[in-house]
Every structure is written in C-alpha cells, then in structure tokens.
Amino acid sequence: MMEQLILGVINKHVEEKEVIGSGQHGFTKGKSCLTNPIAFYDGMTSWVDEGRAVDVVYLDFSKAFDTISHNILVSKLRKCGLVLISG
C-alpha cells in the first residue's frame, strides 16, 4: 500500500514538472516492460552497425525498496518536493 501511495505522488510530480523524457518506459502510460528492451535493442544494434563500441551494465534496484525504512524514504521524497498527504 505504501508503494502505491508513493507511486501516485511521484507520477503526479513528474507529470506536472515534466521530468521524465520520452526514453522512459517504466511507469509511463502507453509504454511497458516490453517496449523498453525493444527500444534498447534497436539503439544498441544501430550503434554496432555504425561500428561504435557498446558496453552495457544492468542494475537491479528492486531490493532497495524492500530494505529501506519507509520513514527515511518519505522524508527524502518530501525534501525533493514530493509531498505525501497522509489521511
């Protein structure tokens, strides 16, 4: 439930401030976990076709939200201007 609340606040903030670029796929309407690797693959293969060097690093932050204190996370989000309304 906490994650849904935070997601809603973040979505509202990034839409109002237009912080997310067109390359963002996660949590973006009309895009999905399937469109991301397709766009990534297209970009990387075009660079390889051009003879450019390509390095890829994969990071998994999923465990970060499972281990962080929600009070600390809420405090940091407030400092970023993402005010959470508790009811």
PDB file of N, CA and C in Angstrom:
ATOM      1  N   MET A   1       0.825  -1.191   0.000  1.00  0.00           N
ATOM      2  CA  MET A   1       0.000   0.000   0.000  1.00  0.00           C
ATOM      3  C   MET A   1       0.867   1.253   0.000  1.00  0.00           C
ATOM      4  N   MET A   2       1.964   1.225   0.757  1.00  0.00           N
ATOM      5  CA  MET A   2       2.865   2.368   0.802  1.00  0.00           C
ATOM      6  C   MET A   2       3.448   2.642  -0.582  1.00  0.00           C
ATOM      7  N   GLU A   3       3.795   1.561  -1.308  1.00  0.00           N
ATOM      8  CA  GLU A   3       4.377   1.720  -2.634  1.00  0.00           C
ATOM      9  C   GLU A   3       3.391   2.396  -3.589  1.00  0.00           C
ATOM     10  N   GLN A   4       2.109   2.032  -3.497  1.00  0.00           N
ATOM     11  CA  GLN A   4       1.093   2.633  -4.362  1.00  0.00           C
ATOM     12  C   GLN A   4       0.923   4.126  -4.056  1.00  0.00           C
ATOM     13  N   LEU A   5       0.975   4.476  -2.790  1.00  0.00           N
ATOM     14  CA  LEU A   5       0.863   5.879  -2.399  1.00  0.00           C
ATOM     15  C   LEU A   5       2.034   6.677  -2.949  1.00  0.00           C
ATOM     16  N   ILE A   6       3.228   6.146  -2.768  1.00  0.00           N
ATOM     17  CA  ILE A   6       4.429   6.828  -3.251  1.00  0.00           C
ATOM     18  C   ILE A   6       4.413   6.921  -4.771  1.00  0.00           C
ATOM     19  N   LEU A   7       4.011   5.850  -5.440  1.00  0.00           N
ATOM     20  CA  LEU A   7       3.939   5.861  -6.898  1.00  0.00           C
ATOM     21  C   LEU A   7       2.994   6.944  -7.398  1.00  0.00           C
ATOM     22  N   GLY A   8       1.845   7.067  -6.750  1.00  0.00           N
ATOM     23  CA  GLY A   8       0.890   8.097  -7.158  1.00  0.00           C
ATOM     24  C   GLY A   8       1.453   9.499  -7.013  1.00  0.00           C
ATOM     25  N   VAL A   9       2.131   9.760  -5.918  1.00  0.00           N
ATOM     26  CA  VAL A   9       2.721  11.082  -5.677  1.00  0.00           C
ATOM     27  C   VAL A   9       3.835  11.357  -6.682  1.00  0.00           C
ATOM     28  N   ILE A  10       4.670  10.358  -6.928  1.00  0.00           N
ATOM     29  CA  ILE A  10       5.768  10.528  -7.884  1.00  0.00           C
ATOM     30  C   ILE A  10       5.214  10.769  -9.286  1.00  0.00           C
ATOM     31  N   ASN A  11       4.230   9.977  -9.692  1.00  0.00           N
ATOM     32  CA  ASN A  11       3.634  10.157 -11.025  1.00  0.00           C
ATOM     33  C   ASN A  11       3.081  11.559 -11.199  1.00  0.00           C
ATOM     34  N   LYS A  12       2.367  12.045 -10.199  1.00  0.00           N
ATOM     35  CA  LYS A  12       1.794  13.393 -10.277  1.00  0.00           C
ATOM     36  C   LYS A  12       2.904  14.440 -10.393  1.00  0.00           C
ATOM     37  N   HIS A  13       3.940  14.298  -9.580  1.00  0.00           N
ATOM     38  CA  HIS A  13       5.050  15.255  -9.583  1.00  0.00           C
ATOM     39  C   HIS A  13       5.766  15.285 -10.931  1.00  0.00           C
ATOM     40  N   VAL A  14       6.115  14.100 -11.455  1.00  0.00           N
ATOM     41  CA  VAL A  14       6.886  14.068 -12.704  1.00  0.00           C
ATOM     42  C   VAL A  14       6.052  14.517 -13.905  1.00  0.00           C
ATOM     43  N   GLU A  15       4.741  14.290 -13.860  1.00  0.00           N
ATOM     44  CA  GLU A  15       3.891  14.780 -14.943  1.00  0.00           C
ATOM     45  C   GLU A  15       3.790  16.300 -14.899  1.00  0.00           C
ATOM     46  N   GLU A  16       3.585  16.853 -13.706  1.00  0.00           N
ATOM     47  CA  GLU A  16       3.455  18.305 -13.576  1.00  0.00           C
ATOM     48  C   GLU A  16       4.759  19.020 -13.903  1.00  0.00           C
ATOM     49  N   LYS A  17       5.883  18.459 -13.504  1.00  0.00           N
ATOM     50  CA  LYS A  17       7.191  19.096 -13.711  1.00  0.00           C
ATOM     51  C   LYS A  17       7.855  18.655 -15.017  1.00  0.00           C
ATOM     52  N   GLU A  18       7.224  17.713 -15.735  1.00  0.00           N
ATOM     53  CA  GLU A  18       7.741  17.189 -16.997  1.00  0.00           C
ATOM     54  C   GLU A  18       9.199  16.736 -16.867  1.00  0.00           C
ATOM     55  N   VAL A  19       9.467  15.904 -15.852  1.00  0.00           N
ATOM     56  CA  VAL A  19      10.827  15.429 -15.594  1.00  0.00           C
ATOM     57  C   VAL A  19      11.191  14.175 -16.378  1.00  0.00           C
ATOM     58  N   ILE A  20      10.217  13.421 -16.807  1.00  0.00           N
ATOM     59  CA  ILE A  20      10.506  12.166 -17.487  1.00  0.00           C
ATOM     60  C   ILE A  20      10.561  12.396 -18.985  1.00  0.00           C
ATOM     61  N   GLY A  21      11.670  11.969 -19.579  1.00  0.00           N
ATOM     62  CA  GLY A  21      11.841  12.104 -21.019  1.00  0.00           C
ATOM     63  C   GLY A  21      11.134  11.000 -21.784  1.00  0.00           C
ATOM     64  N   SER A  22      11.152  11.103 -23.083  1.00  0.00           N
ATOM     65  CA  SER A  22      10.446  10.143 -23.926  1.00  0.00           C
ATOM     66  C   SER A  22      11.081   8.755 -23.893  1.00  0.00           C
ATOM     67  N   GLY A  23      12.326   8.657 -23.436  1.00  0.00           N
ATOM     68  CA  GLY A  23      13.001   7.370 -23.364  1.00  0.00           C
ATOM     69  C   GLY A  23      12.607   6.531 -22.162  1.00  0.00           C
ATOM     70  N   GLN A  24      11.866   7.118 -21.238  1.00  0.00           N
ATOM     71  CA  GLN A  24      11.437   6.392 -20.040  1.00  0.00           C
ATOM     72  C   GLN A  24      10.286   5.452 -20.369  1.00  0.00           C
ATOM     73  N   HIS A  25      10.378   4.209 -19.936  1.00  0.00           N
ATOM     74  CA  HIS A  25       9.314   3.247 -20.208  1.00  0.00           C
ATOM     75  C   HIS A  25       8.581   2.824 -18.942  1.00  0.00           C
ATOM     76  N   GLY A  26       9.278   2.642 -17.839  1.00  0.00           N
ATOM     77  CA  GLY A  26       8.641   2.221 -16.597  1.00  0.00           C
ATOM     78  C   GLY A  26       7.732   3.302 -16.050  1.00  0.00           C
ATOM     79  N   PHE A  27       6.559   2.913 -15.598  1.00  0.00           N
ATOM     80  CA  PHE A  27       5.577   3.822 -15.008  1.00  0.00           C
ATOM     81  C   PHE A  27       5.140   4.917 -15.974  1.00  0.00           C
ATOM     82  N   THR A  28       5.177   4.614 -17.267  1.00  0.00           N
ATOM     83  CA  THR A  28       4.803   5.588 -18.278  1.00  0.00           C
ATOM     84  C   THR A  28       3.623   5.045 -19.079  1.00  0.00           C
ATOM     85  N   LYS A  29       2.590   5.843 -19.206  1.00  0.00           N
ATOM     86  CA  LYS A  29       1.406   5.415 -19.942  1.00  0.00           C
ATOM     87  C   LYS A  29       1.764   5.144 -21.401  1.00  0.00           C
ATOM     88  N   GLY A  30       1.261   4.026 -21.924  1.00  0.00           N
ATOM     89  CA  GLY A  30       1.479   3.686 -23.323  1.00  0.00           C
ATOM     90  C   GLY A  30       2.774   2.939 -23.587  1.00  0.00           C
ATOM     91  N   LYS A  31       3.570   2.743 -22.548  1.00  0.00           N
ATOM     92  CA  LYS A  31       4.823   2.002 -22.688  1.00  0.00           C
ATOM     93  C   LYS A  31       4.829   0.900 -21.638  1.00  0.00           C
ATOM     94  N   SER A  32       5.694  -0.085 -21.824  1.00  0.00           N
ATOM     95  CA  SER A  32       5.680  -1.211 -20.899  1.00  0.00           C
ATOM     96  C   SER A  32       7.061  -1.825 -20.757  1.00  0.00           C
ATOM     97  N   CYS A  33       7.109  -2.909 -19.989  1.00  0.00           N
ATOM     98  CA  CYS A  33       8.365  -3.635 -19.826  1.00  0.00           C
ATOM     99  C   CYS A  33       8.770  -4.318 -21.134  1.00  0.00           C
ATOM    100  N   LEU A  34       7.872  -4.408 -22.094  1.00  0.00           N
ATOM    101  CA  LEU A  34       8.216  -4.989 -23.395  1.00  0.00           C
ATOM    102  C   LEU A  34       8.742  -3.947 -24.376  1.00  0.00           C
ATOM    103  N   THR A  35       8.242  -2.726 -24.290  1.00  0.00           N
ATOM    104  CA  THR A  35       8.719  -1.698 -25.220  1.00  0.00           C
ATOM    105  C   THR A  35      10.125  -1.237 -24.874  1.00  0.00           C
ATOM    106  N   ASN A  36      10.492  -1.325 -23.604  1.00  0.00           N
ATOM    107  CA  ASN A  36      11.826  -0.898 -23.184  1.00  0.00           C
ATOM    108  C   ASN A  36      12.940  -1.717 -23.825  1.00  0.00           C
ATOM    109  N   PRO A  37      12.942  -3.065 -23.704  1.00  0.00           N
ATOM    110  CA  PRO A  37      14.033  -3.811 -24.320  1.00  0.00           C
ATOM    111  C   PRO A  37      14.046  -3.723 -25.843  1.00  0.00           C
ATOM    112  N   ILE A  38      12.888  -3.540 -26.446  1.00  0.00           N
ATOM    113  CA  ILE A  38      12.848  -3.383 -27.903  1.00  0.00           C
ATOM    114  C   ILE A  38      13.541  -2.092 -28.313  1.00  0.00           C
ATOM    115  N   ALA A  39      13.220  -0.987 -27.631  1.00  0.00           N
ATOM    116  CA  ALA A  39      13.855   0.293 -27.923  1.00  0.00           C
ATOM    117  C   ALA A  39      15.352   0.235 -27.629  1.00  0.00           C
ATOM    118  N   PHE A  40      15.711  -0.413 -26.526  1.00  0.00           N
ATOM    119  CA  PHE A  40      17.124  -0.556 -26.162  1.00  0.00           C
ATOM    120  C   PHE A  40      17.874  -1.351 -27.227  1.00  0.00           C
ATOM    121  N   TYR A  41      17.318  -2.485 -27.620  1.00  0.00           N
ATOM    122  CA  TYR A  41      17.943  -3.347 -28.621  1.00  0.00           C
ATOM    123  C   TYR A  41      18.119  -2.603 -29.950  1.00  0.00           C
ATOM    124  N   ASP A  42      17.100  -1.855 -30.357  1.00  0.00           N
ATOM    125  CA  ASP A  42      17.199  -1.078 -31.595  1.00  0.00           C
ATOM    126  C   ASP A  42      18.339  -0.067 -31.533  1.00  0.00           C
ATOM    127  N   GLY A  43      18.446   0.603 -30.398  1.00  0.00           N
ATOM    128  CA  GLY A  43      19.516   1.592 -30.238  1.00  0.00           C
ATOM    129  C   GLY A  43      20.905   0.974 -30.250  1.00  0.00           C
ATOM    130  N   MET A  44      21.057  -0.115 -29.524  1.00  0.00           N
ATOM    131  CA  MET A  44      22.366  -0.763 -29.442  1.00  0.00           C
ATOM    132  C   MET A  44      22.790  -1.371 -30.786  1.00  0.00           C
ATOM    133  N   THR A  45      21.859  -2.012 -31.482  1.00  0.00           N
ATOM    134  CA  THR A  45      22.211  -2.623 -32.766  1.00  0.00           C
ATOM    135  C   THR A  45      22.559  -1.568 -33.810  1.00  0.00           C
ATOM    136  N   SER A  46      21.913  -0.400 -33.736  1.00  0.00           N
ATOM    137  CA  SER A  46      22.267   0.659 -34.688  1.00  0.00           C
ATOM    138  C   SER A  46      23.668   1.188 -34.404  1.00  0.00           C
ATOM    139  N   TRP A  47      24.050   1.283 -33.132  1.00  0.00           N
ATOM    140  CA  TRP A  47      25.415   1.702 -32.803  1.00  0.00           C
ATOM    141  C   TRP A  47      26.432   0.670 -33.275  1.00  0.00           C
ATOM    142  N   VAL A  48      26.133  -0.598 -33.073  1.00  0.00           N
ATOM    143  CA  VAL A  48      27.040  -1.665 -33.533  1.00  0.00           C
ATOM    144  C   VAL A  48      27.155  -1.613 -35.052  1.00  0.00           C
ATOM    145  N   ASP A  49      26.040  -1.417 -35.753  1.00  0.00           N
ATOM    146  CA  ASP A  49      26.058  -1.304 -37.213  1.00  0.00           C
ATOM    147  C   ASP A  49      26.927  -0.145 -37.684  1.00  0.00           C
ATOM    148  N   GLU A  50      26.986   0.913 -36.881  1.00  0.00           N
ATOM    149  CA  GLU A  50      27.820   2.081 -37.206  1.00  0.00           C
ATOM    150  C   GLU A  50      29.288   1.850 -36.844  1.00  0.00           C
ATOM    151  N   GLY A  51      29.590   0.722 -36.206  1.00  0.00           N
ATOM    152  CA  GLY A  51      30.961   0.420 -35.818  1.00  0.00           C
ATOM    153  C   GLY A  51      31.366   1.022 -34.478  1.00  0.00           C
ATOM    154  N   ARG A  52      30.410   1.506 -33.712  1.00  0.00           N
ATOM    155  CA  ARG A  52      30.712   2.104 -32.409  1.00  0.00           C
ATOM    156  C   ARG A  52      30.854   1.016 -31.354  1.00  0.00           C
ATOM    157  N   ALA A  53      31.664   1.283 -30.355  1.00  0.00           N
ATOM    158  CA  ALA A  53      31.814   0.360 -29.225  1.00  0.00           C
ATOM    159  C   ALA A  53      30.605   0.506 -28.302  1.00  0.00           C
ATOM    160  N   VAL A  54      30.113  -0.623 -27.809  1.00  0.00           N
ATOM    161  CA  VAL A  54      28.935  -0.608 -26.942  1.00  0.00           C
ATOM    162  C   VAL A  54      29.216  -1.441 -25.700  1.00  0.00           C
ATOM    163  N   ASP A  55      29.025  -0.847 -24.525  1.00  0.00           N
ATOM    164  CA  ASP A  55      29.102  -1.545 -23.249  1.00  0.00           C
ATOM    165  C   ASP A  55      27.747  -1.418 -22.574  1.00  0.00           C
ATOM    166  N   VAL A  56      27.325  -2.478 -21.914  1.00  0.00           N
ATOM    167  CA  VAL A  56      26.024  -2.473 -21.241  1.00  0.00           C
ATOM    168  C   VAL A  56      26.220  -2.913 -19.798  1.00  0.00           C
ATOM    169  N   VAL A  57      25.597  -2.187 -18.875  1.00  0.00           N
ATOM    170  CA  VAL A  57      25.623  -2.535 -17.456  1.00  0.00           C
ATOM    171  C   VAL A  57      24.173  -2.632 -16.988  1.00  0.00           C
ATOM    172  N   TYR A  58      23.831  -3.743 -16.371  1.00  0.00           N
ATOM    173  CA  TYR A  58      22.483  -3.939 -15.840  1.00  0.00           C
ATOM    174  C   TYR A  58      22.511  -3.762 -14.327  1.00  0.00           C
ATOM    175  N   LEU A  59      21.595  -2.957 -13.813  1.00  0.00           N
ATOM    176  CA  LEU A  59      21.470  -2.735 -12.370  1.00  0.00           C
ATOM    177  C   LEU A  59      20.060  -3.123 -11.935  1.00  0.00           C
ATOM    178  N   ASP A  60      19.954  -3.761 -10.785  1.00  0.00           N
ATOM    179  CA  ASP A  60      18.657  -4.165 -10.252  1.00  0.00           C
ATOM    180  C   ASP A  60      18.447  -3.485  -8.904  1.00  0.00           C
ATOM    181  N   PHE A  61      17.548  -2.504  -8.873  1.00  0.00           N
ATOM    182  CA  PHE A  61      17.270  -1.763  -7.652  1.00  0.00           C
ATOM    183  C   PHE A  61      16.039  -2.279  -6.915  1.00  0.00           C
ATOM    184  N   SER A  62      15.487  -3.394  -7.352  1.00  0.00           N
ATOM    185  CA  SER A  62      14.233  -3.869  -6.766  1.00  0.00           C
ATOM    186  C   SER A  62      14.348  -4.144  -5.275  1.00  0.00           C
ATOM    187  N   LYS A  63      15.468  -4.652  -4.812  1.00  0.00           N
ATOM    188  CA  LYS A  63      15.632  -4.948  -3.383  1.00  0.00           C
ATOM    189  C   LYS A  63      15.768  -3.684  -2.545  1.00  0.00           C
ATOM    190  N   ALA A  64      16.160  -2.592  -3.158  1.00  0.00           N
ATOM    191  CA  ALA A  64      16.359  -1.353  -2.408  1.00  0.00           C
ATOM    192  C   ALA A  64      15.077  -0.908  -1.714  1.00  0.00           C
ATOM    193  N   PHE A  65      13.944  -1.014  -2.381  1.00  0.00           N
ATOM    194  CA  PHE A  65      12.691  -0.569  -1.781  1.00  0.00           C
ATOM    195  C   PHE A  65      12.175  -1.562  -0.749  1.00  0.00           C
ATOM    196  N   ASP A  66      12.671  -2.789  -0.769  1.00  0.00           N
ATOM    197  CA  ASP A  66      12.259  -3.776   0.229  1.00  0.00           C
ATOM    198  C   ASP A  66      13.024  -3.603   1.537  1.00  0.00           C
ATOM    199  N   THR A  67      14.204  -2.987   1.486  1.00  0.00           N
ATOM    200  CA  THR A  67      15.051  -2.907   2.673  1.00  0.00           C
ATOM    201  C   THR A  67      15.110  -1.515   3.307  1.00  0.00           C
ATOM    202  N   ILE A  68      14.716  -0.484   2.579  1.00  0.00           N
ATOM    203  CA  ILE A  68      14.817   0.877   3.116  1.00  0.00           C
ATOM    204  C   ILE A  68      13.673   1.151   4.098  1.00  0.00           C
ATOM    205  N   SER A  69      13.974   1.922   5.120  1.00  0.00           N
ATOM    206  CA  SER A  69      12.947   2.358   6.067  1.00  0.00           C
ATOM    207  C   SER A  69      11.983   3.288   5.338  1.00  0.00           C
ATOM    208  N   HIS A  70      10.680   3.025   5.443  1.00  0.00           N
ATOM    209  CA  HIS A  70       9.705   3.873   4.762  1.00  0.00           C
ATOM    210  C   HIS A  70       9.728   5.295   5.305  1.00  0.00           C
ATOM    211  N   ASN A  71      10.025   5.464   6.590  1.00  0.00           N
ATOM    212  CA  ASN A  71      10.101   6.815   7.158  1.00  0.00           C
ATOM    213  C   ASN A  71      11.237   7.609   6.522  1.00  0.00           C
ATOM    214  N   ILE A  72      12.374   6.964   6.311  1.00  0.00           N
ATOM    215  CA  ILE A  72      13.508   7.634   5.655  1.00  0.00           C
ATOM    216  C   ILE A  72      13.149   7.968   4.215  1.00  0.00           C
ATOM    217  N   LEU A  73      12.522   7.030   3.503  1.00  0.00           N
ATOM    218  CA  LEU A  73      12.131   7.258   2.113  1.00  0.00           C
ATOM    219  C   LEU A  73      11.152   8.421   1.999  1.00  0.00           C
ATOM    220  N   VAL A  74      10.147   8.459   2.863  1.00  0.00           N
ATOM    221  CA  VAL A  74       9.163   9.542   2.837  1.00  0.00           C
ATOM    222  C   VAL A  74       9.845  10.877   3.126  1.00  0.00           C
ATOM    223  N   SER A  75      10.761  10.895   4.074  1.00  0.00           N
ATOM    224  CA  SER A  75      11.487  12.121   4.404  1.00  0.00           C
ATOM    225  C   SER A  75      12.289  12.626   3.203  1.00  0.00           C
ATOM    226  N   LYS A  76      12.971  11.727   2.525  1.00  0.00           N
ATOM    227  CA  LYS A  76      13.764  12.123   1.362  1.00  0.00           C
ATOM    228  C   LYS A  76      12.880  12.596   0.216  1.00  0.00           C
ATOM    229  N   LEU A  77      11.728  11.940   0.032  1.00  0.00           N
ATOM    230  CA  LEU A  77      10.802  12.374  -1.012  1.00  0.00           C
ATOM    231  C   LEU A  77      10.245  13.760  -0.711  1.00  0.00           C
ATOM    232  N   ARG A  78       9.967  14.036   0.550  1.00  0.00           N
ATOM    233  CA  ARG A  78       9.491  15.374   0.931  1.00  0.00           C
ATOM    234  C   ARG A  78      10.548  16.432   0.620  1.00  0.00           C
ATOM    235  N   LYS A  79      11.828  16.115   0.892  1.00  0.00           N
ATOM    236  CA  LYS A  79      12.911  17.064   0.610  1.00  0.00           C
ATOM    237  C   LYS A  79      13.046  17.342  -0.879  1.00  0.00           C
ATOM    238  N   CYS A  80      12.614  16.396  -1.714  1.00  0.00           N
ATOM    239  CA  CYS A  80      12.660  16.578  -3.167  1.00  0.00           C
ATOM    240  C   CYS A  80      11.428  17.291  -3.698  1.00  0.00           C
ATOM    241  N   GLY A  81      10.511  17.645  -2.818  1.00  0.00           N
ATOM    242  CA  GLY A  81       9.306  18.331  -3.231  1.00  0.00           C
ATOM    243  C   GLY A  81       8.144  17.413  -3.528  1.00  0.00           C
ATOM    244  N   LEU A  82       8.305  16.132  -3.208  1.00  0.00           N
ATOM    245  CA  LEU A  82       7.227  15.169  -3.394  1.00  0.00           C
ATOM    246  C   LEU A  82       6.498  15.024  -2.071  1.00  0.00           C
ATOM    247  N   VAL A  83       5.541  15.897  -1.828  1.00  0.00           N
ATOM    248  CA  VAL A  83       4.849  15.937  -0.544  1.00  0.00           C
ATOM    249  C   VAL A  83       3.791  14.850  -0.510  1.00  0.00           C
ATOM    250  N   LEU A  84       3.847  14.028   0.506  1.00  0.00           N
ATOM    251  CA  LEU A  84       2.872  12.962   0.694  1.00  0.00           C
ATOM    252  C   LEU A  84       1.804  13.436   1.661  1.00  0.00           C
ATOM    253  N   ILE A  85       0.566  13.280   1.285  1.00  0.00           N
ATOM    254  CA  ILE A  85      -0.556  13.666   2.151  1.00  0.00           C
ATOM    255  C   ILE A  85      -1.022  12.411   2.868  1.00  0.00           C
ATOM    256  N   SER A  86      -0.952  12.429   4.178  1.00  0.00           N
ATOM    257  CA  SER A  86      -1.418  11.264   4.932  1.00  0.00           C
ATOM    258  C   SER A  86      -2.822  11.561   5.438  1.00  0.00           C
ATOM    259  N   GLY A  87      -3.626  10.516   5.468  1.00  0.00           N
ATOM    260  CA  GLY A  87      -5.005  10.741   5.877  1.00  0.00           C
ATOM    261  C   GLY A  87      -5.391   9.744   6.851  1.00  0.00           C
TER     262      GLY A  87
END
